[in-house]
């Protein structure tokens, strides 16, 4: 009752922790899933279990998270993480975020194929280049190149 009278809010809002689901949403957006969550937990993501109203909630201590994240940078993608949304960030996070954004842009994901790219695909196929090389040259995934070759009856 005292908490209500003082209008303190719930435990979530007044602790130094963030829920695991909130952290996953901030880093990966709507793409976060159970498999991703389990993978991070297996890699030792520091979590704290708290019982709140007869249910267990997983929390992440932000300071410990940044220490863990520095050691596990390859497992994380900070492309969608807004700057300083999880409090003050270590210096290395800005560089990691920029690298993740550049890598995403280089993949050319979900963009329409241009006529020029299709002509290059045909030429590389005629020259006998393998799928991996063509994908690298066109900055497309191997699956996208394979599908486009199938669509144009190449091979």
C-alpha atoms as a PDB file:
ATOM      1  CA  UNK A   1       0.000   0.000   0.000  1.00  0.00           C
ATOM      2  CA  UNK A   2       2.862   2.335   0.788  1.00  0.00           C
ATOM      3  CA  UNK A   3       4.275   1.776  -2.696  1.00  0.00           C
ATOM      4  CA  UNK A   4       0.913   2.773  -4.182  1.00  0.00           C
ATOM      5  CA  UNK A   5       0.573   5.855  -1.999  1.00  0.00           C
ATOM      6  CA  UNK A   6       4.071   7.012  -2.933  1.00  0.00           C
ATOM      7  CA  UNK A   7       3.329   6.208  -6.622  1.00  0.00           C
ATOM      8  CA  UNK A   8       6.576   4.292  -6.973  1.00  0.00           C
ATOM      9  CA  UNK A   9       5.425   2.022  -9.786  1.00  0.00           C
ATOM     10  CA  UNK A  10       6.417  -1.601 -10.198  1.00  0.00           C
ATOM     11  CA  UNK A  11       9.718  -3.354  -9.619  1.00  0.00           C
ATOM     12  CA  UNK A  12      10.574  -3.325 -13.333  1.00  0.00           C
ATOM     13  CA  UNK A  13      10.619   0.470 -13.468  1.00  0.00           C
ATOM     14  CA  UNK A  14      12.544   1.028 -10.242  1.00  0.00           C
ATOM     15  CA  UNK A  15      15.354  -1.496 -10.422  1.00  0.00           C
ATOM     16  CA  UNK A  16      18.719  -1.161 -12.099  1.00  0.00           C
ATOM     17  CA  UNK A  17      17.772  -4.026 -14.386  1.00  0.00           C
ATOM     18  CA  UNK A  18      16.143  -4.474 -17.768  1.00  0.00           C
ATOM     19  CA  UNK A  19      14.161  -7.572 -18.683  1.00  0.00           C
ATOM     20  CA  UNK A  20      15.785 -10.045 -21.028  1.00  0.00           C
ATOM     21  CA  UNK A  21      12.958  -9.586 -23.536  1.00  0.00           C
ATOM     22  CA  UNK A  22      13.475  -5.813 -23.536  1.00  0.00           C
ATOM     23  CA  UNK A  23      17.189  -6.228 -24.226  1.00  0.00           C
ATOM     24  CA  UNK A  24      16.526  -8.639 -27.095  1.00  0.00           C
ATOM     25  CA  UNK A  25      13.910  -6.305 -28.581  1.00  0.00           C
ATOM     26  CA  UNK A  26      16.246  -3.297 -28.374  1.00  0.00           C
ATOM     27  CA  UNK A  27      19.111  -5.150 -30.058  1.00  0.00           C
ATOM     28  CA  UNK A  28      17.262  -7.241 -32.636  1.00  0.00           C
ATOM     29  CA  UNK A  29      13.864  -5.543 -32.940  1.00  0.00           C
ATOM     30  CA  UNK A  30      10.930  -7.721 -33.917  1.00  0.00           C
ATOM     31  CA  UNK A  31      13.317 -10.390 -35.219  1.00  0.00           C
ATOM     32  CA  UNK A  32      14.200 -11.609 -31.736  1.00  0.00           C
ATOM     33  CA  UNK A  33      13.054 -15.190 -31.179  1.00  0.00           C
ATOM     34  CA  UNK A  34      13.383 -18.055 -28.754  1.00  0.00           C
ATOM     35  CA  UNK A  35      16.285 -19.597 -30.685  1.00  0.00           C
ATOM     36  CA  UNK A  36      18.256 -16.348 -30.494  1.00  0.00           C
ATOM     37  CA  UNK A  37      17.440 -16.010 -26.806  1.00  0.00           C
ATOM     38  CA  UNK A  38      18.577 -19.570 -26.080  1.00  0.00           C
ATOM     39  CA  UNK A  39      21.785 -19.080 -28.062  1.00  0.00           C
ATOM     40  CA  UNK A  40      22.712 -15.999 -26.018  1.00  0.00           C
ATOM     41  CA  UNK A  41      21.871 -17.767 -22.757  1.00  0.00           C
ATOM     42  CA  UNK A  42      24.115 -20.707 -23.750  1.00  0.00           C
ATOM     43  CA  UNK A  43      26.939 -18.237 -24.386  1.00  0.00           C
ATOM     44  CA  UNK A  44      26.626 -17.064 -20.791  1.00  0.00           C
ATOM     45  CA  UNK A  45      24.531 -13.897 -20.991  1.00  0.00           C
ATOM     46  CA  UNK A  46      24.421 -12.729 -17.362  1.00  0.00           C
ATOM     47  CA  UNK A  47      20.807 -12.888 -16.199  1.00  0.00           C
ATOM     48  CA  UNK A  48      19.136 -12.577 -12.839  1.00  0.00           C
ATOM     49  CA  UNK A  49      15.931 -14.489 -12.077  1.00  0.00           C
ATOM     50  CA  UNK A  50      13.461 -12.624  -9.890  1.00  0.00           C
ATOM     51  CA  UNK A  51      10.135 -13.909  -8.639  1.00  0.00           C
ATOM     52  CA  UNK A  52       7.424 -11.312  -9.102  1.00  0.00           C
ATOM     53  CA  UNK A  53       3.816 -12.136  -8.301  1.00  0.00           C
ATOM     54  CA  UNK A  54       4.317 -15.923  -8.490  1.00  0.00           C
ATOM     55  CA  UNK A  55       6.184 -15.863 -11.794  1.00  0.00           C
ATOM     56  CA  UNK A  56       9.850 -15.844 -12.651  1.00  0.00           C
ATOM     57  CA  UNK A  57      11.203 -12.968 -14.724  1.00  0.00           C
ATOM     58  CA  UNK A  58      14.669 -12.862 -16.281  1.00  0.00           C
ATOM     59  CA  UNK A  59      16.519  -9.564 -15.839  1.00  0.00           C
ATOM     60  CA  UNK A  60      19.826  -8.321 -17.202  1.00  0.00           C
ATOM     61  CA  UNK A  61      22.168  -6.091 -15.198  1.00  0.00           C
ATOM     62  CA  UNK A  62      23.321  -3.551 -17.794  1.00  0.00           C
ATOM     63  CA  UNK A  63      26.866  -3.148 -16.403  1.00  0.00           C
ATOM     64  CA  UNK A  64      27.451  -6.903 -16.482  1.00  0.00           C
ATOM     65  CA  UNK A  65      25.812  -7.059 -19.924  1.00  0.00           C
ATOM     66  CA  UNK A  66      28.366  -4.635 -21.424  1.00  0.00           C
ATOM     67  CA  UNK A  67      31.250  -6.635 -19.926  1.00  0.00           C
ATOM     68  CA  UNK A  68      29.801  -9.839 -21.402  1.00  0.00           C
ATOM     69  CA  UNK A  69      28.995  -8.191 -24.735  1.00  0.00           C
ATOM     70  CA  UNK A  70      32.585  -7.027 -25.203  1.00  0.00           C
ATOM     71  CA  UNK A  71      33.787 -10.639 -24.949  1.00  0.00           C
ATOM     72  CA  UNK A  72      30.972 -11.937 -27.216  1.00  0.00           C
ATOM     73  CA  UNK A  73      30.850  -9.263 -29.916  1.00  0.00           C
ATOM     74  CA  UNK A  74      30.604 -11.841 -32.702  1.00  0.00           C
ATOM     75  CA  UNK A  75      27.298 -13.124 -31.289  1.00  0.00           C
ATOM     76  CA  UNK A  76      25.653  -9.692 -31.272  1.00  0.00           C
ATOM     77  CA  UNK A  77      24.491  -7.316 -33.973  1.00  0.00           C
ATOM     78  CA  UNK A  78      24.092  -3.715 -32.800  1.00  0.00           C
ATOM     79  CA  UNK A  79      22.765  -2.431 -36.139  1.00  0.00           C
ATOM     80  CA  UNK A  80      19.301  -1.744 -34.684  1.00  0.00           C
ATOM     81  CA  UNK A  81      20.437  -0.683 -31.199  1.00  0.00           C
ATOM     82  CA  UNK A  82      19.711   3.000 -30.635  1.00  0.00           C
ATOM     83  CA  UNK A  83      22.663   4.902 -29.191  1.00  0.00           C
ATOM     84  CA  UNK A  84      22.721   5.045 -25.354  1.00  0.00           C
ATOM     85  CA  UNK A  85      19.276   3.419 -25.009  1.00  0.00           C
ATOM     86  CA  UNK A  86      20.752   0.943 -22.518  1.00  0.00           C
ATOM     87  CA  UNK A  87      22.530   3.674 -20.583  1.00  0.00           C
ATOM     88  CA  UNK A  88      26.057   4.899 -21.132  1.00  0.00           C
ATOM     89  CA  UNK A  89      27.763   2.683 -23.678  1.00  0.00           C
ATOM     90  CA  UNK A  90      31.411   1.657 -23.664  1.00  0.00           C
ATOM     91  CA  UNK A  91      33.595   3.194 -26.385  1.00  0.00           C
ATOM     92  CA  UNK A  92      33.805   0.039 -28.494  1.00  0.00           C
ATOM     93  CA  UNK A  93      30.005  -0.136 -29.051  1.00  0.00           C
ATOM     94  CA  UNK A  94      29.883   2.793 -31.492  1.00  0.00           C
ATOM     95  CA  UNK A  95      32.510   1.173 -33.736  1.00  0.00           C
ATOM     96  CA  UNK A  96      30.743  -2.205 -33.551  1.00  0.00           C
ATOM     97  CA  UNK A  97      27.408  -0.576 -34.470  1.00  0.00           C
ATOM     98  CA  UNK A  98      28.982   1.152 -37.493  1.00  0.00           C
ATOM     99  CA  UNK A  99      30.597  -2.113 -38.640  1.00  0.00           C
ATOM    100  CA  UNK A 100      27.281  -3.967 -38.318  1.00  0.00           C
ATOM    101  CA  UNK A 101      25.484  -1.286 -40.339  1.00  0.00           C
ATOM    102  CA  UNK A 102      28.137  -1.398 -43.072  1.00  0.00           C
ATOM    103  CA  UNK A 103      28.010  -5.195 -43.271  1.00  0.00           C
ATOM    104  CA  UNK A 104      24.228  -5.086 -43.587  1.00  0.00           C
ATOM    105  CA  UNK A 105      24.383  -2.474 -46.357  1.00  0.00           C
ATOM    106  CA  UNK A 106      27.022  -4.488 -48.252  1.00  0.00           C
ATOM    107  CA  UNK A 107      24.753  -7.540 -48.415  1.00  0.00           C
ATOM    108  CA  UNK A 108      22.282  -5.640 -50.634  1.00  0.00           C
ATOM    109  CA  UNK A 109      19.385  -7.425 -48.968  1.00  0.00           C
ATOM    110  CA  UNK A 110      15.839  -7.250 -50.277  1.00  0.00           C
ATOM    111  CA  UNK A 111      16.664  -4.971 -53.171  1.00  0.00           C
ATOM    112  CA  UNK A 112      15.367  -5.562 -56.655  1.00  0.00           C
ATOM    113  CA  UNK A 113      17.719  -7.015 -59.209  1.00  0.00           C
ATOM    114  CA  UNK A 114      18.702  -4.497 -61.863  1.00  0.00           C
ATOM    115  CA  UNK A 115      19.028  -5.428 -65.539  1.00  0.00           C
ATOM    116  CA  UNK A 116      22.757  -4.785 -65.240  1.00  0.00           C
ATOM    117  CA  UNK A 117      23.069  -7.271 -62.346  1.00  0.00           C
ATOM    118  CA  UNK A 118      21.147  -9.913 -64.297  1.00  0.00           C
ATOM    119  CA  UNK A 119      23.448  -9.439 -67.290  1.00  0.00           C
ATOM    120  CA  UNK A 120      26.484  -9.779 -65.023  1.00  0.00           C
ATOM    121  CA  UNK A 121      24.971 -12.940 -63.532  1.00  0.00           C
ATOM    122  CA  UNK A 122      24.524 -14.412 -67.018  1.00  0.00           C
ATOM    123  CA  UNK A 123      28.093 -13.483 -67.970  1.00  0.00           C
ATOM    124  CA  UNK A 124      29.597 -14.958 -64.795  1.00  0.00           C
ATOM    125  CA  UNK A 125      27.591 -18.153 -65.328  1.00  0.00           C
ATOM    126  CA  UNK A 126      28.832 -18.432 -68.925  1.00  0.00           C
ATOM    127  CA  UNK A 127      32.400 -17.986 -67.715  1.00  0.00           C
ATOM    128  CA  UNK A 128      31.893 -20.862 -65.274  1.00  0.00           C
ATOM    129  CA  UNK A 129      32.202 -18.963 -62.000  1.00  0.00           C
ATOM    130  CA  UNK A 130      30.979 -20.870 -58.960  1.00  0.00           C
ATOM    131  CA  UNK A 131      27.992 -19.755 -56.907  1.00  0.00           C
ATOM    132  CA  UNK A 132      30.049 -18.360 -54.013  1.00  0.00           C
ATOM    133  CA  UNK A 133      32.191 -16.192 -56.299  1.00  0.00           C
ATOM    134  CA  UNK A 134      29.168 -14.829 -58.172  1.00  0.00           C
ATOM    135  CA  UNK A 135      27.421 -13.992 -54.893  1.00  0.00           C
ATOM    136  CA  UNK A 136      30.490 -12.142 -53.658  1.00  0.00           C
ATOM    137  CA  UNK A 137      30.871 -10.193 -56.928  1.00  0.00           C
ATOM    138  CA  UNK A 138      27.207  -9.183 -57.013  1.00  0.00           C
ATOM    139  CA  UNK A 139      27.061  -8.582 -53.233  1.00  0.00           C
ATOM    140  CA  UNK A 140      24.093 -10.934 -52.944  1.00  0.00           C
ATOM    141  CA  UNK A 141      23.505 -14.031 -50.869  1.00  0.00           C
ATOM    142  CA  UNK A 142      24.190 -17.424 -52.422  1.00  0.00           C
ATOM    143  CA  UNK A 143      20.499 -18.269 -52.053  1.00  0.00           C
ATOM    144  CA  UNK A 144      19.479 -15.152 -53.993  1.00  0.00           C
ATOM    145  CA  UNK A 145      21.936 -15.952 -56.789  1.00  0.00           C
ATOM    146  CA  UNK A 146      20.816 -19.588 -56.921  1.00  0.00           C
ATOM    147  CA  UNK A 147      17.169 -18.516 -57.180  1.00  0.00           C
ATOM    148  CA  UNK A 148      17.855 -15.945 -59.906  1.00  0.00           C
ATOM    149  CA  UNK A 149      19.827 -18.529 -61.894  1.00  0.00           C
ATOM    150  CA  UNK A 150      16.844 -20.871 -61.579  1.00  0.00           C
ATOM    151  CA  UNK A 151      14.434 -18.118 -62.698  1.00  0.00           C
ATOM    152  CA  UNK A 152      16.478 -17.448 -65.847  1.00  0.00           C
ATOM    153  CA  UNK A 153      17.209 -21.128 -66.612  1.00  0.00           C
ATOM    154  CA  UNK A 154      20.947 -20.595 -66.169  1.00  0.00           C
ATOM    155  CA  UNK A 155      23.380 -23.468 -65.539  1.00  0.00           C
END
